[in-house]
Amino acid sequence: MRKYRFRKSPLVGLALRIAKFLLKSQLLTVFLVLFGLGFWVGARSRPDPGAVPYAELFGNLSVASCRDAPSDSNAHFVARLSACGKVFGEYEVDARRFRAPARGRAYSRAITGTHYGPLRVRGHVDQGFWLELPGGPGHALQPGQFDELYRKTLDYVKPVSIVSSVLGTLSGYSVGYRLATWNSSLCSRAVQERVLGTPGIGRAIAREAWRRVLLEPVVTGDEADASRFAAVHGTQRIYANFFKLALNDSDGFIPREAERLVQAGRSDESRAMLAFAEAVRRAAGDSMDLESADFSAVENWASLLDRRGHWAQGATPPPGEERMAYLGTLAWYGLAPPAPDARRIWVGPRVLVREGETEGFVADEMPLTGVACPAAWRPWLLQRDAGTESATLANAWIAGRPEFAPLVSFGRNVVQRLRSRR
């Protein structure tokens, strides 16, 4: 009988050598042990399969706006829902309905669209400090000066994000944990369909999308120029204080200021101010459904402040007693124009965030109002960790890898028990 010999392909030979190496080095055994540990931890810590995973849903939320034509003055906003890196649904704010995610490229979206990516929380810093600025315009911050800001914020998350990504990818623990929690994760198609069919979920998504657009102007990124950083910080202060005033304008300052702007020939600024205040009041009331006009009001007001730094530029009273009274009123509400020769800037408690590959932070002022606080941020603002570096480092580590959160909680419980015994 004739014997046939099968030629072994290079890929098969490589696979066999890798398998032999894994068996001899016990790497496969370690992988299986970690897989079992991850599956056991995930099975014990997974939430109720029937509950809506709000943290995962809103943590991956993005917002897009587009116009039907470049000349169209009305923008339509859409909240995009994603899980495991893929968009599985879109919610039309004005139509109040879900639709399948758009495929391919659309010309109208490409030339008239604005996209707000997911603003993921990375941790919280509970302590503030004064940032000293160099004298004179146009001077750049020295490395040591600006590192004081980012060493206490963004540098917490840069090294640990790389380490956690490597561990999460190469270890079987992450695989086992995700397999155990699959039935309660948005990565599951069944969970996605159940979430989209939840009564009132569209209204909650629209409000969360509005918060995403509202917080975009107060996100601070990597800015090494001293004058630019001071200008951005001053504009953010005015924006945040005006937002808080719109929530509770008991003295009626905003209507009076809008009327003054009209008399000064600044009707566009007046309309933008009143529209923003109305959008804030609508968002503060839980009984109202938000519309694209509420989103556009935020964009228009933030754009006005970004261009001019203050709405009163060129519209202040002439020098004299009236001007002094007006500037004193602005200072009373925390809305005075930023000083051009600022030497010190207060950087208060802040939430560490990430958008794409960009690290940044948001001051606590607006999120603490509740109206502007995303659902995924609330545990971080309520959890005061005494501002220690180790606690901040641990929080930044587990923020991007939820499978490690039970292990960190277990470690903290062990430490607390040891301390109580001592």
Protein backbone atom coordinates (compact mmCIF):
# COMPACT_ATOMS: atom_id res chain seq x y z
CA MET A 1 0.00 0.00 0.00
CA ARG A 2 1.30 3.39 -0.91
CA LYS A 3 1.85 5.79 1.98
CA TYR A 4 0.97 9.46 1.68
CA ARG A 5 2.83 12.08 3.58
CA PHE A 6 1.20 15.39 4.36
CA ARG A 7 3.45 18.38 4.29
CA LYS A 8 3.22 20.42 7.45
CA SER A 9 2.53 24.08 6.74
CA PRO A 10 4.70 26.72 8.46
CA LEU A 11 1.69 28.03 10.39
CA VAL A 12 0.84 24.62 11.80
CA GLY A 13 4.45 24.09 12.83
CA LEU A 14 4.55 27.47 14.54
CA ALA A 15 1.31 26.71 16.38
CA LEU A 16 2.67 23.38 17.61
CA ARG A 17 5.87 24.99 18.86
CA ILE A 18 3.87 27.65 20.71
CA ALA A 19 1.65 24.97 22.28
CA LYS A 20 4.70 22.98 23.44
CA PHE A 21 6.24 26.13 24.90
CA LEU A 22 3.05 26.96 26.82
CA LEU A 23 2.82 23.44 28.22
CA LYS A 24 6.47 23.32 29.28
CA SER A 25 6.55 26.83 30.80
CA GLN A 26 3.22 26.39 32.65
CA LEU A 27 1.87 29.60 31.09
CA LEU A 28 -1.27 27.78 30.01
CA THR A 29 -1.79 26.58 33.57
CA VAL A 30 -1.42 30.12 34.89
CA PHE A 31 -3.85 31.38 32.26
CA LEU A 32 -6.47 28.78 33.22
CA VAL A 33 -6.07 29.53 36.92
CA LEU A 34 -6.53 33.26 36.30
CA PHE A 35 -9.48 32.47 34.05
CA GLY A 36 -11.13 30.51 36.82
CA LEU A 37 -10.45 33.26 39.35
CA GLY A 38 -11.89 35.91 37.04
CA PHE A 39 -14.98 33.81 36.35
CA TRP A 40 -15.53 33.23 40.09
CA VAL A 41 -15.13 36.94 40.92
CA GLY A 42 -17.41 37.96 38.05
CA ALA A 43 -20.10 35.46 39.06
CA ARG A 44 -20.09 36.80 42.64
CA SER A 45 -20.00 40.50 41.78
CA ARG A 46 -22.17 40.72 38.68
CA PRO A 47 -25.29 42.88 39.04
CA ASP A 48 -28.86 41.74 38.65
CA PRO A 49 -29.26 40.50 35.05
CA GLY A 50 -32.59 42.34 34.85
CA ALA A 51 -31.15 45.72 35.91
CA VAL A 52 -30.21 48.44 33.44
CA PRO A 53 -26.41 48.95 33.35
CA TYR A 54 -26.64 52.75 33.55
CA ALA A 55 -22.96 53.26 34.36
CA GLU A 56 -21.86 51.33 31.28
CA LEU A 57 -24.58 52.88 29.10
CA PHE A 58 -23.87 56.49 29.99
CA GLY A 59 -20.12 56.04 30.37
CA ASN A 60 -19.84 55.17 26.66
CA LEU A 61 -22.36 57.78 25.48
CA SER A 62 -21.39 60.16 22.68
CA VAL A 63 -23.35 62.98 21.06
CA ALA A 64 -23.46 64.09 17.43
CA SER A 65 -25.15 67.06 15.81
CA CYS A 66 -25.77 67.77 12.16
CA ARG A 67 -27.76 70.02 9.86
CA ASP A 68 -29.74 69.02 6.83
CA ALA A 69 -27.89 71.67 4.83
CA PRO A 70 -25.00 74.05 5.50
CA SER A 71 -27.43 76.99 5.43
CA ASP A 72 -29.78 75.36 7.95
CA SER A 73 -29.73 77.25 11.25
CA ASN A 74 -31.25 74.42 13.27
CA ALA A 75 -29.01 71.55 14.38
CA HIS A 76 -30.41 68.11 15.16
CA PHE A 77 -28.77 66.19 17.99
CA VAL A 78 -28.40 62.44 18.23
CA ALA A 79 -27.15 60.43 21.21
CA ARG A 80 -25.02 57.47 20.16
CA LEU A 81 -24.97 54.36 22.35
CA SER A 82 -21.97 52.08 22.19
CA ALA A 83 -20.55 49.02 23.92
CA CYS A 84 -17.30 47.13 23.42
CA GLY A 85 -16.15 49.76 20.93
CA LYS A 86 -19.20 49.49 18.62
CA VAL A 87 -22.28 51.71 18.27
CA PHE A 88 -25.43 49.63 18.69
CA GLY A 89 -28.10 52.34 18.65
CA GLU A 90 -28.83 56.03 18.19
CA TYR A 91 -31.46 58.16 19.88
CA GLU A 92 -32.95 61.14 18.02
CA VAL A 93 -33.57 63.87 20.56
CA ASP A 94 -36.30 65.75 18.65
CA ALA A 95 -38.10 62.68 17.30
CA ARG A 96 -37.69 60.87 20.67
CA ARG A 97 -37.07 57.53 19.05
CA PHE A 98 -34.30 55.01 18.57
CA ARG A 99 -32.85 54.14 15.21
CA ALA A 100 -30.21 51.82 13.86
CA PRO A 101 -26.69 53.29 13.78
CA ALA A 102 -25.83 55.10 10.58
CA ARG A 103 -23.46 53.20 8.30
CA GLY A 104 -20.80 54.65 6.06
CA ARG A 105 -20.16 58.34 5.47
CA ALA A 106 -22.83 60.97 4.90
CA TYR A 107 -21.96 64.27 3.23
CA SER A 108 -24.31 66.32 5.41
CA ARG A 109 -22.81 64.89 8.61
CA ALA A 110 -19.26 65.39 7.38
CA ILE A 111 -19.57 69.14 6.67
CA THR A 112 -22.13 70.26 9.27
CA GLY A 113 -21.66 67.79 12.10
CA THR A 114 -20.14 68.17 15.56
CA HIS A 115 -19.15 65.16 17.60
CA TYR A 116 -18.74 64.89 21.37
CA GLY A 117 -16.94 61.69 22.27
CA PRO A 118 -17.48 59.74 25.50
CA LEU A 119 -16.12 61.66 28.49
CA ARG A 120 -15.02 58.82 30.73
CA VAL A 121 -14.26 59.45 34.37
CA ARG A 122 -10.78 58.31 35.46
CA GLY A 123 -10.77 59.27 39.11
CA HIS A 124 -11.13 62.19 41.48
CA VAL A 125 -8.67 64.51 43.23
CA ASP A 126 -10.10 65.89 46.46
CA GLN A 127 -7.50 68.59 47.11
CA GLY A 128 -6.89 71.93 45.42
CA PHE A 129 -3.82 74.13 45.17
CA TRP A 130 -2.62 77.50 43.88
CA LEU A 131 -0.86 77.45 40.52
CA GLU A 132 1.78 80.18 40.24
CA LEU A 133 2.00 81.81 36.79
CA PRO A 134 5.09 83.53 35.36
CA GLY A 135 4.97 87.30 34.95
CA GLY A 136 4.43 89.03 31.67
CA PRO A 137 2.26 88.09 28.69
CA GLY A 138 3.46 85.44 26.26
CA HIS A 139 5.62 83.63 28.81
CA ALA A 140 5.44 79.89 28.85
CA LEU A 141 5.08 77.92 32.03
CA GLN A 142 8.28 76.31 33.21
CA PRO A 143 8.21 72.49 33.25
CA GLY A 144 8.26 72.41 37.04
CA GLN A 145 5.40 74.92 37.33
CA PHE A 146 3.00 73.21 34.97
CA ASP A 147 4.02 69.75 36.20
CA GLU A 148 2.65 70.84 39.56
CA LEU A 149 -0.79 70.85 37.95
CA TYR A 150 -0.54 67.66 35.91
CA ARG A 151 1.56 65.70 38.38
CA LYS A 152 -1.38 66.03 40.76
CA THR A 153 -3.98 65.11 38.15
CA LEU A 154 -3.19 63.48 34.83
CA ASP A 155 0.02 61.70 35.80
CA TYR A 156 -2.04 59.54 38.13
CA VAL A 157 -3.64 57.81 35.18
CA LYS A 158 -0.94 57.68 32.50
CA PRO A 159 1.35 54.92 33.89
CA VAL A 160 -1.39 52.81 35.41
CA SER A 161 -3.50 52.86 32.26
CA ILE A 162 -0.68 51.20 30.32
CA VAL A 163 -0.04 48.59 33.01
CA SER A 164 -3.71 47.75 33.48
CA SER A 165 -4.23 47.43 29.72
CA VAL A 166 -1.36 44.94 29.43
CA LEU A 167 -2.51 42.91 32.42
CA GLY A 168 -6.11 42.95 31.31
CA THR A 169 -5.25 41.81 27.80
CA LEU A 170 -2.69 39.14 28.54
CA SER A 171 -4.19 37.59 31.67
CA GLY A 172 -7.02 35.10 31.68
CA TYR A 173 -8.55 36.89 34.66
CA SER A 174 -10.12 39.57 32.46
CA VAL A 175 -11.43 36.97 30.01
CA GLY A 176 -13.04 34.93 32.78
CA TYR A 177 -14.57 37.98 34.44
CA ARG A 178 -16.11 39.28 31.22
CA LEU A 179 -17.47 35.84 30.37
CA ALA A 180 -19.15 35.59 33.79
CA THR A 181 -20.72 39.05 33.50
CA TRP A 182 -21.74 38.74 29.85
CA ASN A 183 -25.45 38.36 30.59
CA SER A 184 -25.51 41.68 32.45
CA SER A 185 -23.17 43.61 30.13
CA LEU A 186 -24.10 45.85 27.21
CA CYS A 187 -21.82 43.78 25.00
CA SER A 188 -24.65 41.24 24.91
CA ARG A 189 -27.17 41.84 22.15
CA ALA A 190 -30.01 40.65 24.39
CA VAL A 191 -29.08 43.24 27.04
CA GLN A 192 -28.96 45.96 24.38
CA GLU A 193 -32.46 45.16 23.17
CA ARG A 194 -33.76 45.06 26.75
CA VAL A 195 -32.18 48.44 27.55
CA LEU A 196 -33.62 50.09 24.44
CA GLY A 197 -37.06 48.79 25.42
CA THR A 198 -36.92 50.13 28.98
CA PRO A 199 -39.73 52.66 29.61
CA GLY A 200 -38.41 56.23 29.89
CA ILE A 201 -34.87 55.33 28.87
CA GLY A 202 -34.94 57.74 25.93
CA ARG A 203 -35.64 60.70 28.19
CA ALA A 204 -32.78 59.72 30.50
CA ILE A 205 -30.43 59.35 27.50
CA ALA A 206 -31.37 62.81 26.20
CA ARG A 207 -30.61 64.40 29.57
CA GLU A 208 -27.30 62.58 29.82
CA ALA A 209 -26.42 63.72 26.30
CA TRP A 210 -27.26 67.32 27.26
CA ARG A 211 -24.90 67.07 30.23
CA ARG A 212 -22.15 65.87 27.91
CA VAL A 213 -22.54 68.95 25.70
CA LEU A 214 -22.83 71.20 28.77
CA LEU A 215 -19.53 70.00 30.27
CA GLU A 216 -17.45 70.23 27.09
CA PRO A 217 -16.49 73.94 27.63
CA VAL A 218 -15.10 73.22 31.13
CA VAL A 219 -12.83 70.31 30.18
CA THR A 220 -9.19 71.34 30.76
CA GLY A 221 -6.60 69.55 28.66
CA ASP A 222 -2.85 69.78 28.26
CA GLU A 223 -2.10 73.49 27.90
CA ALA A 224 1.51 74.57 28.47
CA ASP A 225 1.20 78.26 27.52
CA ALA A 226 0.66 80.40 30.63
CA SER A 227 -1.41 83.17 29.01
CA ARG A 228 -3.56 80.67 27.12
CA PHE A 229 -4.15 78.60 30.26
CA ALA A 230 -5.11 81.70 32.26
CA ALA A 231 -7.54 82.84 29.54
CA VAL A 232 -9.18 79.42 29.29
CA HIS A 233 -9.44 79.13 33.05
CA GLY A 234 -11.03 82.60 33.29
CA THR A 235 -13.61 81.78 30.61
CA GLN A 236 -14.43 78.48 32.31
CA ARG A 237 -14.96 80.29 35.61
CA ILE A 238 -17.45 82.71 34.03
CA TYR A 239 -19.24 79.86 32.25
CA ALA A 240 -19.56 77.78 35.43
CA ASN A 241 -20.69 80.69 37.60
CA PHE A 242 -23.26 81.82 35.05
CA PHE A 243 -24.60 78.26 34.92
CA LYS A 244 -24.99 78.20 38.71
CA LEU A 245 -26.68 81.62 38.58
CA ALA A 246 -29.14 80.37 35.94
CA LEU A 247 -30.12 77.57 38.33
CA ASN A 248 -31.10 80.06 41.02
CA ASP A 249 -31.44 83.62 39.77
CA SER A 250 -33.49 84.87 42.70
CA ASP A 251 -32.56 88.53 42.04
CA GLY A 252 -33.52 88.46 38.36
CA PHE A 253 -30.05 89.47 37.19
CA ILE A 254 -30.21 87.58 33.89
CA PRO A 255 -33.40 89.23 32.56
CA ARG A 256 -32.10 92.68 33.53
CA GLU A 257 -28.73 92.03 31.91
CA ALA A 258 -30.40 90.70 28.75
CA GLU A 259 -32.51 93.85 28.53
CA ARG A 260 -29.42 96.02 29.02
CA LEU A 261 -27.69 94.21 26.16
CA VAL A 262 -30.68 94.87 23.89
CA GLN A 263 -30.55 98.57 24.69
CA ALA A 264 -26.81 98.52 23.94
CA GLY A 265 -27.48 97.04 20.50
CA ARG A 266 -26.37 93.52 21.40
CA SER A 267 -29.51 91.57 20.57
CA ASP A 268 -27.63 88.40 19.57
CA GLU A 269 -25.85 88.23 22.92
CA SER A 270 -29.13 88.86 24.72
CA ARG A 271 -30.92 86.04 22.91
CA ALA A 272 -28.02 83.64 23.53
CA MET A 273 -28.03 84.49 27.25
CA LEU A 274 -31.77 84.00 27.67
CA ALA A 275 -31.76 80.79 25.62
CA PHE A 276 -28.99 79.29 27.77
CA ALA A 277 -30.76 80.25 31.00
CA GLU A 278 -33.99 78.73 29.70
CA ALA A 279 -32.21 75.51 28.71
CA VAL A 280 -30.71 75.24 32.19
CA ARG A 281 -34.12 75.74 33.81
CA ARG A 282 -35.65 73.10 31.57
CA ALA A 283 -32.89 70.64 32.42
CA ALA A 284 -33.33 71.34 36.14
CA GLY A 285 -37.00 70.38 35.90
CA ASP A 286 -37.40 66.60 35.74
CA SER A 287 -40.82 66.85 34.07
CA MET A 288 -39.58 68.38 30.80
CA ASP A 289 -38.24 66.62 27.73
CA LEU A 290 -35.14 68.25 26.32
CA GLU A 291 -34.96 69.20 22.66
CA SER A 292 -32.22 70.07 20.18
CA ALA A 293 -32.84 73.75 20.93
CA ASP A 294 -31.62 73.14 24.49
CA PHE A 295 -28.41 71.63 23.11
CA SER A 296 -27.91 74.49 20.63
CA ALA A 297 -28.41 77.05 23.40
CA VAL A 298 -25.45 75.58 25.27
CA GLU A 299 -23.28 75.56 22.14
CA ASN A 300 -24.15 79.16 21.23
CA TRP A 301 -23.50 80.54 24.71
CA ALA A 302 -20.25 78.63 25.14
CA SER A 303 -19.09 79.72 21.69
CA LEU A 304 -19.86 83.36 22.51
CA LEU A 305 -17.79 83.23 25.70
CA ASP A 306 -14.97 81.40 23.96
CA ARG A 307 -14.74 84.05 21.22
CA ARG A 308 -15.02 87.12 23.42
CA GLY A 309 -14.05 85.94 26.89
CA HIS A 310 -17.04 87.85 28.29
CA TRP A 311 -20.39 88.91 26.86
CA ALA A 312 -19.87 92.50 28.10
CA GLN A 313 -16.80 93.13 25.93
CA GLY A 314 -17.55 96.41 24.15
CA ALA A 315 -20.90 96.79 25.93
CA THR A 316 -19.85 98.03 29.37
CA PRO A 317 -21.03 101.44 30.60
CA PRO A 318 -18.66 104.39 30.05
CA PRO A 319 -16.13 105.18 32.78
CA GLY A 320 -17.82 106.60 35.82
CA GLU A 321 -20.09 105.65 38.68
CA GLU A 322 -22.39 103.53 36.52
CA ARG A 323 -19.45 101.48 35.25
CA MET A 324 -18.15 100.93 38.76
CA ALA A 325 -21.58 99.76 39.94
CA TYR A 326 -21.90 97.40 36.97
CA LEU A 327 -18.49 95.81 37.48
CA GLY A 328 -19.22 95.49 41.19
CA THR A 329 -22.44 93.64 40.39
CA LEU A 330 -20.57 91.23 38.10
CA ALA A 331 -17.98 90.63 40.81
CA TRP A 332 -20.79 89.90 43.31
CA TYR A 333 -22.06 87.09 41.07
CA GLY A 334 -18.56 85.85 40.26
CA LEU A 335 -18.93 86.98 36.65
CA ALA A 336 -16.31 89.73 36.50
CA PRO A 337 -14.07 89.64 33.41
CA PRO A 338 -10.80 87.81 34.08
CA ALA A 339 -7.86 89.99 35.07
CA PRO A 340 -5.23 90.15 32.30
CA ASP A 341 -2.36 90.16 34.79
CA ALA A 342 -3.34 87.20 36.96
CA ARG A 343 -0.40 85.69 38.82
CA ARG A 344 -2.08 82.90 40.76
CA ILE A 345 -4.89 80.57 39.75
CA TRP A 346 -6.81 78.38 42.15
CA VAL A 347 -7.22 74.82 40.88
CA GLY A 348 -9.80 73.18 43.12
CA PRO A 349 -11.02 69.59 43.54
CA ARG A 350 -11.55 68.00 40.14
CA VAL A 351 -12.72 64.93 38.28
CA LEU A 352 -10.14 63.25 36.06
CA VAL A 353 -11.58 62.50 32.63
CA ARG A 354 -10.49 61.07 29.33
CA GLU A 355 -11.81 61.69 25.82
CA GLY A 356 -10.24 59.41 23.27
CA GLU A 357 -6.48 59.66 23.80
CA THR A 358 -6.68 63.03 25.55
CA GLU A 359 -6.45 63.23 29.33
CA GLY A 360 -8.04 66.15 31.16
CA PHE A 361 -10.03 67.19 34.18
CA VAL A 362 -13.21 69.04 35.12
CA ALA A 363 -13.58 71.18 38.24
CA ASP A 364 -16.16 69.99 40.77
CA GLU A 365 -18.21 73.20 40.66
CA MET A 366 -20.70 72.28 37.97
CA PRO A 367 -21.02 68.51 38.61
CA LEU A 368 -21.73 69.14 42.30
CA THR A 369 -24.94 70.96 41.35
CA GLY A 370 -26.47 67.63 40.35
CA VAL A 371 -28.05 69.00 37.19
CA ALA A 372 -24.70 68.91 35.38
CA CYS A 373 -23.42 65.69 36.93
CA PRO A 374 -23.27 62.64 34.63
CA ALA A 375 -24.56 59.43 36.16
CA ALA A 376 -21.17 57.74 35.92
CA TRP A 377 -19.53 60.58 37.88
CA ARG A 378 -21.76 60.52 40.96
CA PRO A 379 -19.98 57.70 42.82
CA TRP A 380 -16.67 59.52 42.40
CA LEU A 381 -18.03 62.82 43.75
CA LEU A 382 -19.77 61.15 46.67
CA GLN A 383 -16.72 59.02 47.53
CA ARG A 384 -14.32 61.26 49.38
CA ASP A 385 -11.02 59.40 49.60
CA ALA A 386 -9.19 61.94 51.80
CA GLY A 387 -7.23 63.03 48.73
CA THR A 388 -4.37 60.59 49.35
CA GLU A 389 -2.10 59.78 46.43
CA SER A 390 -2.49 56.03 46.91
CA ALA A 391 -6.29 56.24 46.86
CA THR A 392 -6.29 58.41 43.75
CA LEU A 393 -3.85 56.05 42.06
CA ALA A 394 -6.02 53.03 42.88
CA ASN A 395 -9.18 54.75 41.65
CA ALA A 396 -7.53 55.73 38.37
CA TRP A 397 -6.35 52.15 37.93
CA ILE A 398 -9.75 50.51 38.36
CA ALA A 399 -11.67 53.18 36.41
CA GLY A 400 -10.65 51.75 33.04
CA ARG A 401 -10.75 48.12 34.19
CA PRO A 402 -13.96 47.33 36.10
CA GLU A 403 -12.93 43.69 36.52
CA PHE A 404 -10.25 44.75 38.99
CA ALA A 405 -12.63 46.76 41.19
CA PRO A 406 -13.73 43.73 43.28
CA LEU A 407 -10.09 42.87 43.96
CA VAL A 408 -9.33 46.43 45.10
CA SER A 409 -12.43 46.41 47.33
CA PHE A 410 -11.35 43.07 48.79
CA GLY A 411 -7.88 44.43 49.50
CA ARG A 412 -9.32 47.51 51.20
CA ASN A 413 -11.56 45.35 53.39
CA VAL A 414 -8.60 43.24 54.43
CA VAL A 415 -6.60 46.34 55.35
CA GLN A 416 -9.50 47.75 57.37
CA ARG A 417 -9.90 44.46 59.28
CA LEU A 418 -6.21 44.36 60.08
CA ARG A 419 -6.32 47.92 61.34
CA SER A 420 -9.39 47.24 63.49
CA ARG A 421 -7.68 44.20 65.04
CA ARG A 422 -4.63 46.27 65.87
